[in-house]
C-alpha atoms as a PDB file:
ATOM      1  CA  UNK A   1      19.447   5.260  13.120  1.00  0.00           C
ATOM      2  CA  UNK A   2      15.695   5.552  13.547  1.00  0.00           C
ATOM      3  CA  UNK A   3      13.598   4.597  10.501  1.00  0.00           C
ATOM      4  CA  UNK A   4      10.953   7.209  11.165  1.00  0.00           C
ATOM      5  CA  UNK A   5       9.319   8.232   7.907  1.00  0.00           C
ATOM      6  CA  UNK A   6       8.369  11.845   7.451  1.00  0.00           C
ATOM      7  CA  UNK A   7       6.305  13.549   4.773  1.00  0.00           C
ATOM      8  CA  UNK A   8       6.013  16.591   2.577  1.00  0.00           C
ATOM      9  CA  UNK A   9       3.211  19.085   2.103  1.00  0.00           C
ATOM     10  CA  UNK A  10       0.948  16.555   0.391  1.00  0.00           C
ATOM     11  CA  UNK A  11       1.960  13.127   1.695  1.00  0.00           C
ATOM     12  CA  UNK A  12       2.610  11.387   4.969  1.00  0.00           C
ATOM     13  CA  UNK A  13       4.894   8.375   5.218  1.00  0.00           C
ATOM     14  CA  UNK A  14       4.465   7.559   8.900  1.00  0.00           C
ATOM     15  CA  UNK A  15       4.098   3.805   9.365  1.00  0.00           C
ATOM     16  CA  UNK A  16       1.949   2.082  11.941  1.00  0.00           C
ATOM     17  CA  UNK A  17      -1.163   4.199  11.507  1.00  0.00           C
ATOM     18  CA  UNK A  18      -4.712   2.969  12.100  1.00  0.00           C
ATOM     19  CA  UNK A  19      -5.401  -0.259  10.268  1.00  0.00           C
ATOM     20  CA  UNK A  20      -1.745  -1.303   9.830  1.00  0.00           C
ATOM     21  CA  UNK A  21       0.035  -4.243  11.362  1.00  0.00           C
ATOM     22  CA  UNK A  22       3.437  -5.499  10.351  1.00  0.00           C
ATOM     23  CA  UNK A  23       7.080  -5.846  11.283  1.00  0.00           C
ATOM     24  CA  UNK A  24      10.536  -4.410  10.578  1.00  0.00           C
ATOM     25  CA  UNK A  25      13.953  -6.038  10.281  1.00  0.00           C
ATOM     26  CA  UNK A  26      17.267  -4.214   9.928  1.00  0.00           C
ATOM     27  CA  UNK A  27      20.394  -5.958   8.670  1.00  0.00           C
ATOM     28  CA  UNK A  28      23.943  -4.566   8.664  1.00  0.00           C
ATOM     29  CA  UNK A  29      26.354  -6.299   6.336  1.00  0.00           C
ATOM     30  CA  UNK A  30      23.907  -9.182   6.061  1.00  0.00           C
ATOM     31  CA  UNK A  31      23.586  -9.661   9.835  1.00  0.00           C
ATOM     32  CA  UNK A  32      20.349  -8.857  11.642  1.00  0.00           C
ATOM     33  CA  UNK A  33      20.938  -5.971  14.069  1.00  0.00           C
ATOM     34  CA  UNK A  34      17.371  -4.956  14.863  1.00  0.00           C
ATOM     35  CA  UNK A  35      13.847  -6.365  14.755  1.00  0.00           C
ATOM     36  CA  UNK A  36      10.432  -5.022  15.639  1.00  0.00           C
ATOM     37  CA  UNK A  37       7.091  -6.882  15.770  1.00  0.00           C
ATOM     38  CA  UNK A  38       5.448  -3.637  14.643  1.00  0.00           C
ATOM     39  CA  UNK A  39       5.652  -1.627  11.397  1.00  0.00           C
ATOM     40  CA  UNK A  40       7.932   0.898  13.119  1.00  0.00           C
ATOM     41  CA  UNK A  41      11.037   0.819  15.287  1.00  0.00           C
ATOM     42  CA  UNK A  42      14.180   2.555  16.522  1.00  0.00           C
ATOM     43  CA  UNK A  43      17.520   0.810  15.992  1.00  0.00           C
ATOM     44  CA  UNK A  44      20.964   1.830  17.252  1.00  0.00           C
ATOM     45  CA  UNK A  45      23.841   1.187  14.855  1.00  0.00           C
ATOM     46  CA  UNK A  46      27.592   2.015  14.791  1.00  0.00           C
ATOM     47  CA  UNK A  47      28.776   5.372  13.457  1.00  0.00           C
ATOM     48  CA  UNK A  48      31.060   3.963  10.754  1.00  0.00           C
ATOM     49  CA  UNK A  49      29.918   3.613   7.154  1.00  0.00           C
ATOM     50  CA  UNK A  50      28.106   0.357   6.573  1.00  0.00           C
ATOM     51  CA  UNK A  51      25.717  -1.326   4.171  1.00  0.00           C
ATOM     52  CA  UNK A  52      22.176  -1.782   5.450  1.00  0.00           C
ATOM     53  CA  UNK A  53      19.035  -3.617   4.420  1.00  0.00           C
ATOM     54  CA  UNK A  54      15.766  -2.576   6.016  1.00  0.00           C
ATOM     55  CA  UNK A  55      12.615  -4.628   5.386  1.00  0.00           C
ATOM     56  CA  UNK A  56       9.144  -3.391   6.289  1.00  0.00           C
ATOM     57  CA  UNK A  57       6.053  -5.605   6.080  1.00  0.00           C
ATOM     58  CA  UNK A  58       2.585  -4.097   6.414  1.00  0.00           C
ATOM     59  CA  UNK A  59      -0.925  -5.529   6.313  1.00  0.00           C
ATOM     60  CA  UNK A  60      -4.274  -3.768   6.475  1.00  0.00           C
ATOM     61  CA  UNK A  61      -6.701  -4.791   9.206  1.00  0.00           C
ATOM     62  CA  UNK A  62      -9.552  -3.266  11.163  1.00  0.00           C
ATOM     63  CA  UNK A  63     -13.318  -2.733  10.815  1.00  0.00           C
ATOM     64  CA  UNK A  64     -15.462  -2.599   8.924  1.00  0.00           C
ATOM     65  CA  UNK A  65     -14.729  -5.987   7.390  1.00  0.00           C
ATOM     66  CA  UNK A  66     -13.548  -5.657   3.846  1.00  0.00           C
ATOM     67  CA  UNK A  67     -12.976  -1.899   4.088  1.00  0.00           C
ATOM     68  CA  UNK A  68      -9.433  -2.170   2.743  1.00  0.00           C
ATOM     69  CA  UNK A  69      -9.677  -2.994  -0.964  1.00  0.00           C
ATOM     70  CA  UNK A  70      -6.313  -1.958  -2.393  1.00  0.00           C
ATOM     71  CA  UNK A  71      -2.685  -2.301  -1.299  1.00  0.00           C
ATOM     72  CA  UNK A  72      -3.743  -4.767   1.374  1.00  0.00           C
ATOM     73  CA  UNK A  73      -0.191  -5.967   2.017  1.00  0.00           C
ATOM     74  CA  UNK A  74       3.219  -4.511   1.223  1.00  0.00           C
ATOM     75  CA  UNK A  75       6.772  -5.755   1.600  1.00  0.00           C
ATOM     76  CA  UNK A  76       9.454  -3.121   1.041  1.00  0.00           C
ATOM     77  CA  UNK A  77      13.202  -3.696   1.296  1.00  0.00           C
ATOM     78  CA  UNK A  78      15.610  -0.772   1.164  1.00  0.00           C
ATOM     79  CA  UNK A  79      19.329  -1.252   0.501  1.00  0.00           C
ATOM     80  CA  UNK A  80      21.644   1.668   1.272  1.00  0.00           C
ATOM     81  CA  UNK A  81      24.912   2.781   2.844  1.00  0.00           C
ATOM     82  CA  UNK A  82      24.963   5.143   5.796  1.00  0.00           C
ATOM     83  CA  UNK A  83      27.401   6.671   8.295  1.00  0.00           C
ATOM     84  CA  UNK A  84      27.330   9.300  11.034  1.00  0.00           C
ATOM     85  CA  UNK A  85      28.050  12.845   9.869  1.00  0.00           C
ATOM     86  CA  UNK A  86      29.492  14.662  12.895  1.00  0.00           C
ATOM     87  CA  UNK A  87      28.736  18.067  11.342  1.00  0.00           C
ATOM     88  CA  UNK A  88      25.063  17.389  10.621  1.00  0.00           C
ATOM     89  CA  UNK A  89      22.361  18.253  13.142  1.00  0.00           C
ATOM     90  CA  UNK A  90      19.974  15.787  11.539  1.00  0.00           C
ATOM     91  CA  UNK A  91      20.598  13.240   8.804  1.00  0.00           C
ATOM     92  CA  UNK A  92      18.265  11.794   6.245  1.00  0.00           C
ATOM     93  CA  UNK A  93      18.591   8.059   5.709  1.00  0.00           C
ATOM     94  CA  UNK A  94      19.386   7.428   1.997  1.00  0.00           C
ATOM     95  CA  UNK A  95      16.207   5.565   1.102  1.00  0.00           C
ATOM     96  CA  UNK A  96      14.081   5.519  -2.059  1.00  0.00           C
ATOM     97  CA  UNK A  97      10.275   5.526  -2.001  1.00  0.00           C
ATOM     98  CA  UNK A  98       8.660   4.200  -5.212  1.00  0.00           C
ATOM     99  CA  UNK A  99       5.915   6.196  -6.880  1.00  0.00           C
ATOM    100  CA  UNK A 100       3.530   4.789  -9.460  1.00  0.00           C
ATOM    101  CA  UNK A 101       1.425   6.644 -11.994  1.00  0.00           C
ATOM    102  CA  UNK A 102      -1.062   4.462 -13.833  1.00  0.00           C
ATOM    103  CA  UNK A 103      -4.084   5.007 -16.089  1.00  0.00           C
ATOM    104  CA  UNK A 104      -6.605   4.024 -13.416  1.00  0.00           C
ATOM    105  CA  UNK A 105     -10.178   5.224 -13.093  1.00  0.00           C
ATOM    106  CA  UNK A 106     -10.120   6.657  -9.566  1.00  0.00           C
ATOM    107  CA  UNK A 107     -11.099   3.311  -8.076  1.00  0.00           C
ATOM    108  CA  UNK A 108      -7.706   1.745  -8.813  1.00  0.00           C
ATOM    109  CA  UNK A 109      -8.914  -0.391 -11.707  1.00  0.00           C
ATOM    110  CA  UNK A 110      -7.492  -0.707 -15.211  1.00  0.00           C
ATOM    111  CA  UNK A 111      -9.238  -1.997 -18.344  1.00  0.00           C
ATOM    112  CA  UNK A 112      -8.459  -5.481 -19.664  1.00  0.00           C
ATOM    113  CA  UNK A 113      -6.194  -4.176 -22.426  1.00  0.00           C
ATOM    114  CA  UNK A 114      -2.629  -4.550 -23.656  1.00  0.00           C
ATOM    115  CA  UNK A 115      -0.019  -1.769 -23.879  1.00  0.00           C
ATOM    116  CA  UNK A 116      -1.012   0.320 -20.867  1.00  0.00           C
ATOM    117  CA  UNK A 117       1.861   2.240 -19.291  1.00  0.00           C
ATOM    118  CA  UNK A 118       2.800   2.550 -15.631  1.00  0.00           C
ATOM    119  CA  UNK A 119       5.246   5.375 -14.867  1.00  0.00           C
ATOM    120  CA  UNK A 120       7.880   4.693 -12.208  1.00  0.00           C
ATOM    121  CA  UNK A 121       9.616   7.428 -10.219  1.00  0.00           C
ATOM    122  CA  UNK A 122      11.035   7.745  -6.714  1.00  0.00           C
ATOM    123  CA  UNK A 123      11.250  10.249  -3.906  1.00  0.00           C
ATOM    124  CA  UNK A 124      13.756  10.235  -1.052  1.00  0.00           C
ATOM    125  CA  UNK A 125      13.548   9.952   2.701  1.00  0.00           C
ATOM    126  CA  UNK A 126      13.550  13.424   4.263  1.00  0.00           C
ATOM    127  CA  UNK A 127      17.040  14.866   3.847  1.00  0.00           C
ATOM    128  CA  UNK A 128      18.009  12.511   1.019  1.00  0.00           C
ATOM    129  CA  UNK A 129      17.947  13.688  -2.566  1.00  0.00           C
ATOM    130  CA  UNK A 130      17.863  10.641  -4.846  1.00  0.00           C
ATOM    131  CA  UNK A 131      20.125  10.367  -7.854  1.00  0.00           C
ATOM    132  CA  UNK A 132      18.688   9.570 -11.262  1.00  0.00           C
ATOM    133  CA  UNK A 133      17.187   6.138 -11.556  1.00  0.00           C
ATOM    134  CA  UNK A 134      19.618   3.863 -13.371  1.00  0.00           C
ATOM    135  CA  UNK A 135      17.484   0.744 -13.160  1.00  0.00           C
ATOM    136  CA  UNK A 136      13.773   0.099 -12.988  1.00  0.00           C
ATOM    137  CA  UNK A 137      12.046  -3.258 -13.149  1.00  0.00           C
ATOM    138  CA  UNK A 138       8.377  -4.073 -12.761  1.00  0.00           C
ATOM    139  CA  UNK A 139       6.574  -7.403 -12.724  1.00  0.00           C
ATOM    140  CA  UNK A 140       2.930  -8.220 -12.070  1.00  0.00           C
ATOM    141  CA  UNK A 141       1.089 -11.233 -10.722  1.00  0.00           C
ATOM    142  CA  UNK A 142      -2.516 -12.415 -10.673  1.00  0.00           C
ATOM    143  CA  UNK A 143      -1.932 -14.937  -7.847  1.00  0.00           C
ATOM    144  CA  UNK A 144      -0.356 -12.744  -5.138  1.00  0.00           C
ATOM    145  CA  UNK A 145       3.199 -13.472  -6.227  1.00  0.00           C
ATOM    146  CA  UNK A 146       2.929 -17.147  -7.023  1.00  0.00           C
ATOM    147  CA  UNK A 147       3.918 -16.428 -10.620  1.00  0.00           C
ATOM    148  CA  UNK A 148       5.227 -13.211 -12.147  1.00  0.00           C
ATOM    149  CA  UNK A 149       5.116 -11.585 -15.585  1.00  0.00           C
ATOM    150  CA  UNK A 150       8.047  -9.263 -16.286  1.00  0.00           C
ATOM    151  CA  UNK A 151       7.270  -6.045 -18.141  1.00  0.00           C
ATOM    152  CA  UNK A 152       9.278  -4.130 -20.705  1.00  0.00           C
ATOM    153  CA  UNK A 153      10.655  -0.989 -19.043  1.00  0.00           C
ATOM    154  CA  UNK A 154      12.233   2.026 -20.705  1.00  0.00           C
ATOM    155  CA  UNK A 155      13.888   5.202 -19.436  1.00  0.00           C
ATOM    156  CA  UNK A 156      12.279   8.431 -20.668  1.00  0.00           C
ATOM    157  CA  UNK A 157      14.001  11.726 -21.481  1.00  0.00           C
ATOM    158  CA  UNK A 158      12.718  13.286 -18.245  1.00  0.00           C
ATOM    159  CA  UNK A 159      14.382  10.589 -16.131  1.00  0.00           C
ATOM    160  CA  UNK A 160      11.209   8.650 -15.377  1.00  0.00           C
ATOM    161  CA  UNK A 161      10.743   5.032 -16.387  1.00  0.00           C
ATOM    162  CA  UNK A 162       7.710   3.426 -17.976  1.00  0.00           C
ATOM    163  CA  UNK A 163       6.567  -0.187 -17.886  1.00  0.00           C
ATOM    164  CA  UNK A 164       4.006  -1.663 -20.276  1.00  0.00           C
ATOM    165  CA  UNK A 165       1.485  -4.161 -18.917  1.00  0.00           C
ATOM    166  CA  UNK A 166      -0.738  -6.593 -20.790  1.00  0.00           C
ATOM    167  CA  UNK A 167      -4.041  -7.205 -19.028  1.00  0.00           C
ATOM    168  CA  UNK A 168      -5.968  -8.387 -22.070  1.00  0.00           C
ATOM    169  CA  UNK A 169      -8.315 -11.201 -21.090  1.00  0.00           C
ATOM    170  CA  UNK A 170      -7.745 -10.565 -17.362  1.00  0.00           C
ATOM    171  CA  UNK A 171     -11.107  -9.052 -16.415  1.00  0.00           C
ATOM    172  CA  UNK A 172     -11.820  -9.528 -12.711  1.00  0.00           C
ATOM    173  CA  UNK A 173      -8.180 -10.249 -11.802  1.00  0.00           C
ATOM    174  CA  UNK A 174      -6.442  -8.641  -8.822  1.00  0.00           C
ATOM    175  CA  UNK A 175      -2.934  -7.372  -9.614  1.00  0.00           C
ATOM    176  CA  UNK A 176       0.097  -7.564  -7.339  1.00  0.00           C
ATOM    177  CA  UNK A 177       3.094  -5.448  -8.379  1.00  0.00           C
ATOM    178  CA  UNK A 178       6.801  -6.007  -7.736  1.00  0.00           C
ATOM    179  CA  UNK A 179       9.122  -3.068  -8.376  1.00  0.00           C
ATOM    180  CA  UNK A 180      12.910  -2.743  -8.165  1.00  0.00           C
ATOM    181  CA  UNK A 181      14.491   0.731  -8.419  1.00  0.00           C
ATOM    182  CA  UNK A 182      18.164   1.793  -8.163  1.00  0.00           C
ATOM    183  CA  UNK A 183      19.619   5.306  -8.320  1.00  0.00           C
ATOM    184  CA  UNK A 184      23.068   6.615  -9.278  1.00  0.00           C
ATOM    185  CA  UNK A 185      24.158   6.544  -5.631  1.00  0.00           C
ATOM    186  CA  UNK A 186      23.670   2.792  -5.459  1.00  0.00           C
ATOM    187  CA  UNK A 187      20.616   3.105  -3.246  1.00  0.00           C
ATOM    188  CA  UNK A 188      17.882   0.637  -4.153  1.00  0.00           C
ATOM    189  CA  UNK A 189      14.407  -0.445  -3.134  1.00  0.00           C
ATOM    190  CA  UNK A 190      12.348  -3.549  -3.837  1.00  0.00           C
ATOM    191  CA  UNK A 191       8.624  -3.322  -3.169  1.00  0.00           C
ATOM    192  CA  UNK A 192       5.775  -5.806  -3.475  1.00  0.00           C
ATOM    193  CA  UNK A 193       2.245  -4.371  -3.305  1.00  0.00           C
ATOM    194  CA  UNK A 194      -0.542  -6.916  -2.988  1.00  0.00           C
ATOM    195  CA  UNK A 195      -3.675  -5.983  -4.909  1.00  0.00           C
ATOM    196  CA  UNK A 196      -2.218  -2.713  -6.143  1.00  0.00           C
ATOM    197  CA  UNK A 197      -5.186  -2.493  -8.522  1.00  0.00           C
ATOM    198  CA  UNK A 198      -7.837  -4.650 -10.182  1.00  0.00           C
ATOM    199  CA  UNK A 199      -8.583  -5.326 -13.845  1.00  0.00           C
ATOM    200  CA  UNK A 200     -12.131  -4.436 -14.839  1.00  0.00           C
END
């Protein structure tokens, strides 16, 4: 299985591009079966159906100093089951990619107000069609994950989930987000995004 991330007509999910450093770790049944000191890698696994956990860490670097203002670090862990399909020419790994829609101003800042909604959805790795999201959790932190505030999430009629955040009195704070999503197939993803946005 090679965790190479493809894209669609509007997005690219290829890791290890300019300005990224990081690492990858693949576990099978809780045992580490592959590691890479880079934010990409190719791992060989058995053909039988197994449970996997793939963790990707990324960090933004590179000149000019301070160029990277948002999403400076990410840690994403995918949990899924996979097996070789002898009849398939190419298989998509059953992985979820979180998507966030928030009322930001184009510079990834939100006002210092209560009750603002962040919409949570997910897309799938190429070849994988996600099931409906059965669980969605979101927490935010002002100290890069030292302490977390859980949000109230709710499923909407269209299958999306919304989370309400309270940033009243938080002007000037940098916000780290932690999201956990699970679909009807049992595939899940946990993602931490450092400085996802700022409060103005």
